[in-house]
């Protein structure tokens, strides 16, 4: 009898873990978060005119979301593009964004709209009513938003989870 070659203790014929459609997972244990074909800039900003929902949602265990106090209906997944948030968020990382958190907590990471640009950045509130848009990568300077410019800023949601390459 022919034996399948083994790589790292796993036969090459072993099934790949995962799922093909949400119906493959028990909805009593999993939430299905929409993924959008939007790349949020972890750089100098990217213009988004229309967000298309991807065919396959991102699955999360309901227990995990409940432990974090997250409501499925407030969540969406986006993709980071660029290196301005490295080492915290890498280029191509999958981001879980909580649209229910739009009140800024100082020093947390948010997806924001600044004019027509969509960015993922760390936000610091300023005493004058403005904010500082901070990139974790020191090669990118902070952007100070004055109180007069705040009308051009919208907080889309707080980044609460990310997955990406090492």
C-alpha atoms as a PDB file:
ATOM      1  CA  UNK A   1       0.000   0.000   0.000  1.00  0.00           C
ATOM      2  CA  UNK A   2       1.255   3.484  -0.888  1.00  0.00           C
ATOM      3  CA  UNK A   3       1.624   5.899   2.036  1.00  0.00           C
ATOM      4  CA  UNK A   4       1.221   9.627   1.464  1.00  0.00           C
ATOM      5  CA  UNK A   5       4.379  11.676   2.025  1.00  0.00           C
ATOM      6  CA  UNK A   6       4.460  13.389   5.408  1.00  0.00           C
ATOM      7  CA  UNK A   7       5.425  17.007   5.918  1.00  0.00           C
ATOM      8  CA  UNK A   8       5.732  18.183   9.498  1.00  0.00           C
ATOM      9  CA  UNK A   9       3.924  15.046  10.692  1.00  0.00           C
ATOM     10  CA  UNK A  10       0.905  15.650   8.439  1.00  0.00           C
ATOM     11  CA  UNK A  11       0.177  13.590   5.342  1.00  0.00           C
ATOM     12  CA  UNK A  12      -0.107  15.668   2.168  1.00  0.00           C
ATOM     13  CA  UNK A  13      -3.537  14.141   1.596  1.00  0.00           C
ATOM     14  CA  UNK A  14      -4.836  15.482   4.912  1.00  0.00           C
ATOM     15  CA  UNK A  15      -7.773  17.821   4.436  1.00  0.00           C
ATOM     16  CA  UNK A  16      -7.087  21.516   4.733  1.00  0.00           C
ATOM     17  CA  UNK A  17      -8.937  23.049   7.679  1.00  0.00           C
ATOM     18  CA  UNK A  18     -11.501  25.694   6.926  1.00  0.00           C
ATOM     19  CA  UNK A  19     -14.960  26.028   5.515  1.00  0.00           C
ATOM     20  CA  UNK A  20     -16.517  26.675   2.160  1.00  0.00           C
ATOM     21  CA  UNK A  21     -19.693  28.487   3.195  1.00  0.00           C
ATOM     22  CA  UNK A  22     -21.228  29.774   6.443  1.00  0.00           C
ATOM     23  CA  UNK A  23     -23.545  26.747   6.375  1.00  0.00           C
ATOM     24  CA  UNK A  24     -20.508  24.545   7.120  1.00  0.00           C
ATOM     25  CA  UNK A  25     -20.203  26.048  10.624  1.00  0.00           C
ATOM     26  CA  UNK A  26     -22.706  25.930  13.469  1.00  0.00           C
ATOM     27  CA  UNK A  27     -24.367  29.388  13.732  1.00  0.00           C
ATOM     28  CA  UNK A  28     -24.898  28.757  17.451  1.00  0.00           C
ATOM     29  CA  UNK A  29     -21.115  28.871  17.904  1.00  0.00           C
ATOM     30  CA  UNK A  30     -19.919  31.162  15.099  1.00  0.00           C
ATOM     31  CA  UNK A  31     -20.547  34.698  13.904  1.00  0.00           C
ATOM     32  CA  UNK A  32     -20.016  35.677  10.284  1.00  0.00           C
ATOM     33  CA  UNK A  33     -18.572  39.159   9.885  1.00  0.00           C
ATOM     34  CA  UNK A  34     -18.761  40.804   6.449  1.00  0.00           C
ATOM     35  CA  UNK A  35     -15.433  41.416   4.744  1.00  0.00           C
ATOM     36  CA  UNK A  36     -15.210  44.402   2.448  1.00  0.00           C
ATOM     37  CA  UNK A  37     -12.961  44.830  -0.539  1.00  0.00           C
ATOM     38  CA  UNK A  38     -11.504  47.973   0.995  1.00  0.00           C
ATOM     39  CA  UNK A  39      -7.848  48.528   1.726  1.00  0.00           C
ATOM     40  CA  UNK A  40      -7.460  51.063   4.509  1.00  0.00           C
ATOM     41  CA  UNK A  41      -4.263  52.995   4.244  1.00  0.00           C
ATOM     42  CA  UNK A  42      -1.563  52.308   6.758  1.00  0.00           C
ATOM     43  CA  UNK A  43       0.308  55.002   4.861  1.00  0.00           C
ATOM     44  CA  UNK A  44      -0.695  58.429   3.598  1.00  0.00           C
ATOM     45  CA  UNK A  45      -4.326  57.635   2.841  1.00  0.00           C
ATOM     46  CA  UNK A  46      -6.378  55.900   0.190  1.00  0.00           C
ATOM     47  CA  UNK A  47      -9.514  57.098  -1.525  1.00  0.00           C
ATOM     48  CA  UNK A  48     -12.525  54.784  -1.345  1.00  0.00           C
ATOM     49  CA  UNK A  49     -15.515  55.491  -3.533  1.00  0.00           C
ATOM     50  CA  UNK A  50     -17.556  52.335  -3.021  1.00  0.00           C
ATOM     51  CA  UNK A  51     -17.054  49.382  -0.686  1.00  0.00           C
ATOM     52  CA  UNK A  52     -17.932  45.981  -2.113  1.00  0.00           C
ATOM     53  CA  UNK A  53     -18.733  43.179   0.329  1.00  0.00           C
ATOM     54  CA  UNK A  54     -16.651  40.091  -0.383  1.00  0.00           C
ATOM     55  CA  UNK A  55     -18.433  36.844  -1.123  1.00  0.00           C
ATOM     56  CA  UNK A  56     -17.081  34.962   1.901  1.00  0.00           C
ATOM     57  CA  UNK A  57     -17.384  36.498   5.389  1.00  0.00           C
ATOM     58  CA  UNK A  58     -14.825  36.140   8.185  1.00  0.00           C
ATOM     59  CA  UNK A  59     -15.859  33.687  10.894  1.00  0.00           C
ATOM     60  CA  UNK A  60     -15.342  34.279  14.610  1.00  0.00           C
ATOM     61  CA  UNK A  61     -16.338  32.139  17.552  1.00  0.00           C
ATOM     62  CA  UNK A  62     -19.325  33.742  19.277  1.00  0.00           C
ATOM     63  CA  UNK A  63     -17.709  33.019  22.639  1.00  0.00           C
ATOM     64  CA  UNK A  64     -14.703  35.164  21.663  1.00  0.00           C
ATOM     65  CA  UNK A  65     -16.884  38.076  20.546  1.00  0.00           C
ATOM     66  CA  UNK A  66     -18.965  37.854  23.733  1.00  0.00           C
ATOM     67  CA  UNK A  67     -15.829  37.821  25.918  1.00  0.00           C
ATOM     68  CA  UNK A  68     -14.691  41.005  24.176  1.00  0.00           C
ATOM     69  CA  UNK A  69     -18.127  42.636  24.472  1.00  0.00           C
ATOM     70  CA  UNK A  70     -18.488  42.859  20.681  1.00  0.00           C
ATOM     71  CA  UNK A  71     -21.817  42.796  18.839  1.00  0.00           C
ATOM     72  CA  UNK A  72     -21.801  40.983  15.518  1.00  0.00           C
ATOM     73  CA  UNK A  73     -23.940  43.636  13.814  1.00  0.00           C
ATOM     74  CA  UNK A  74     -21.318  46.340  14.572  1.00  0.00           C
ATOM     75  CA  UNK A  75     -18.389  44.461  13.041  1.00  0.00           C
ATOM     76  CA  UNK A  76     -16.703  44.466   9.650  1.00  0.00           C
ATOM     77  CA  UNK A  77     -13.369  43.277   8.284  1.00  0.00           C
ATOM     78  CA  UNK A  78     -11.046  45.411   6.160  1.00  0.00           C
ATOM     79  CA  UNK A  79      -7.492  44.987   4.864  1.00  0.00           C
ATOM     80  CA  UNK A  80      -4.541  47.176   5.878  1.00  0.00           C
ATOM     81  CA  UNK A  81      -2.400  48.536   3.029  1.00  0.00           C
ATOM     82  CA  UNK A  82       1.038  50.011   3.674  1.00  0.00           C
ATOM     83  CA  UNK A  83       3.642  49.988   6.415  1.00  0.00           C
ATOM     84  CA  UNK A  84       2.959  53.140   8.440  1.00  0.00           C
ATOM     85  CA  UNK A  85       1.410  51.158  11.319  1.00  0.00           C
ATOM     86  CA  UNK A  86       4.189  48.570  11.530  1.00  0.00           C
ATOM     87  CA  UNK A  87       5.114  46.823  13.730  1.00  0.00           C
ATOM     88  CA  UNK A  88       1.573  46.854  15.178  1.00  0.00           C
ATOM     89  CA  UNK A  89      -0.278  46.261  11.891  1.00  0.00           C
ATOM     90  CA  UNK A  90       1.481  44.775   8.885  1.00  0.00           C
ATOM     91  CA  UNK A  91       0.742  45.394   5.217  1.00  0.00           C
ATOM     92  CA  UNK A  92      -2.093  43.086   4.155  1.00  0.00           C
ATOM     93  CA  UNK A  93      -3.338  42.400   7.689  1.00  0.00           C
ATOM     94  CA  UNK A  94      -7.000  41.534   8.121  1.00  0.00           C
ATOM     95  CA  UNK A  95      -8.586  44.034  10.541  1.00  0.00           C
ATOM     96  CA  UNK A  96     -11.713  43.525  12.631  1.00  0.00           C
ATOM     97  CA  UNK A  97     -13.335  46.939  13.060  1.00  0.00           C
ATOM     98  CA  UNK A  98     -16.010  47.678  15.663  1.00  0.00           C
ATOM     99  CA  UNK A  99     -18.265  50.362  14.164  1.00  0.00           C
ATOM    100  CA  UNK A 100     -19.983  50.608  17.552  1.00  0.00           C
ATOM    101  CA  UNK A 101     -16.885  52.335  18.977  1.00  0.00           C
ATOM    102  CA  UNK A 102     -16.696  55.775  17.407  1.00  0.00           C
ATOM    103  CA  UNK A 103     -15.927  57.767  20.544  1.00  0.00           C
ATOM    104  CA  UNK A 104     -12.143  58.030  20.626  1.00  0.00           C
ATOM    105  CA  UNK A 105     -10.265  56.448  23.506  1.00  0.00           C
ATOM    106  CA  UNK A 106      -6.878  58.126  23.661  1.00  0.00           C
ATOM    107  CA  UNK A 107      -4.115  56.002  22.142  1.00  0.00           C
ATOM    108  CA  UNK A 108      -6.322  53.334  20.542  1.00  0.00           C
ATOM    109  CA  UNK A 109      -6.231  52.371  16.840  1.00  0.00           C
ATOM    110  CA  UNK A 110      -9.121  53.441  14.602  1.00  0.00           C
ATOM    111  CA  UNK A 111     -10.195  53.392  10.993  1.00  0.00           C
ATOM    112  CA  UNK A 112     -10.934  57.012  10.129  1.00  0.00           C
ATOM    113  CA  UNK A 113     -12.104  58.969   7.142  1.00  0.00           C
ATOM    114  CA  UNK A 114     -10.121  62.176   6.710  1.00  0.00           C
ATOM    115  CA  UNK A 115     -11.635  64.045   3.775  1.00  0.00           C
ATOM    116  CA  UNK A 116     -11.923  61.342   1.107  1.00  0.00           C
ATOM    117  CA  UNK A 117      -9.056  59.242   2.516  1.00  0.00           C
ATOM    118  CA  UNK A 118      -9.594  56.126   4.633  1.00  0.00           C
ATOM    119  CA  UNK A 119      -6.778  55.423   7.102  1.00  0.00           C
ATOM    120  CA  UNK A 120      -5.966  53.121   9.994  1.00  0.00           C
ATOM    121  CA  UNK A 121      -4.111  55.096  12.679  1.00  0.00           C
ATOM    122  CA  UNK A 122      -3.561  55.508  16.384  1.00  0.00           C
ATOM    123  CA  UNK A 123      -5.489  58.539  17.641  1.00  0.00           C
ATOM    124  CA  UNK A 124      -4.548  60.900  20.456  1.00  0.00           C
ATOM    125  CA  UNK A 125      -6.938  63.597  21.613  1.00  0.00           C
ATOM    126  CA  UNK A 126      -5.613  67.112  22.062  1.00  0.00           C
ATOM    127  CA  UNK A 127      -6.695  69.538  24.798  1.00  0.00           C
ATOM    128  CA  UNK A 128      -7.770  72.100  22.168  1.00  0.00           C
ATOM    129  CA  UNK A 129     -10.439  69.747  20.736  1.00  0.00           C
ATOM    130  CA  UNK A 130      -8.322  68.494  17.857  1.00  0.00           C
ATOM    131  CA  UNK A 131      -6.480  65.219  17.576  1.00  0.00           C
ATOM    132  CA  UNK A 132      -3.140  63.772  16.568  1.00  0.00           C
ATOM    133  CA  UNK A 133      -3.180  61.038  13.927  1.00  0.00           C
ATOM    134  CA  UNK A 134      -0.206  58.826  14.757  1.00  0.00           C
ATOM    135  CA  UNK A 135       1.586  56.154  12.720  1.00  0.00           C
ATOM    136  CA  UNK A 136       3.374  53.512  14.815  1.00  0.00           C
ATOM    137  CA  UNK A 137       6.196  53.406  12.248  1.00  0.00           C
ATOM    138  CA  UNK A 138       8.557  56.271  13.197  1.00  0.00           C
ATOM    139  CA  UNK A 139       9.336  56.904   9.506  1.00  0.00           C
ATOM    140  CA  UNK A 140       5.884  58.507   9.195  1.00  0.00           C
ATOM    141  CA  UNK A 141       5.281  61.848  10.933  1.00  0.00           C
ATOM    142  CA  UNK A 142       2.240  62.597  13.078  1.00  0.00           C
ATOM    143  CA  UNK A 143      -0.580  64.601  11.533  1.00  0.00           C
ATOM    144  CA  UNK A 144      -2.170  67.212  13.773  1.00  0.00           C
ATOM    145  CA  UNK A 145      -5.842  67.848  13.123  1.00  0.00           C
ATOM    146  CA  UNK A 146      -6.993  71.242  14.384  1.00  0.00           C
ATOM    147  CA  UNK A 147     -10.461  71.773  15.877  1.00  0.00           C
ATOM    148  CA  UNK A 148     -11.444  73.564  12.633  1.00  0.00           C
ATOM    149  CA  UNK A 149     -10.455  70.484  10.593  1.00  0.00           C
ATOM    150  CA  UNK A 150     -12.403  68.024  12.789  1.00  0.00           C
ATOM    151  CA  UNK A 151     -15.529  68.457  10.642  1.00  0.00           C
ATOM    152  CA  UNK A 152     -13.603  66.628   7.886  1.00  0.00           C
ATOM    153  CA  UNK A 153     -12.863  63.617  10.126  1.00  0.00           C
ATOM    154  CA  UNK A 154     -15.193  60.672  10.722  1.00  0.00           C
ATOM    155  CA  UNK A 155     -14.359  57.817  13.069  1.00  0.00           C
ATOM    156  CA  UNK A 156     -15.506  54.654  11.291  1.00  0.00           C
ATOM    157  CA  UNK A 157     -14.649  52.325  14.164  1.00  0.00           C
ATOM    158  CA  UNK A 158     -11.983  50.965  16.473  1.00  0.00           C
ATOM    159  CA  UNK A 159      -9.685  48.163  15.341  1.00  0.00           C
ATOM    160  CA  UNK A 160     -10.205  45.383  17.894  1.00  0.00           C
ATOM    161  CA  UNK A 161      -8.347  42.457  16.268  1.00  0.00           C
ATOM    162  CA  UNK A 162      -5.934  41.834  13.451  1.00  0.00           C
ATOM    163  CA  UNK A 163      -4.341  38.900  11.687  1.00  0.00           C
ATOM    164  CA  UNK A 164      -1.438  39.082   9.302  1.00  0.00           C
ATOM    165  CA  UNK A 165       1.883  37.676   8.215  1.00  0.00           C
ATOM    166  CA  UNK A 166       4.825  37.513  10.568  1.00  0.00           C
END
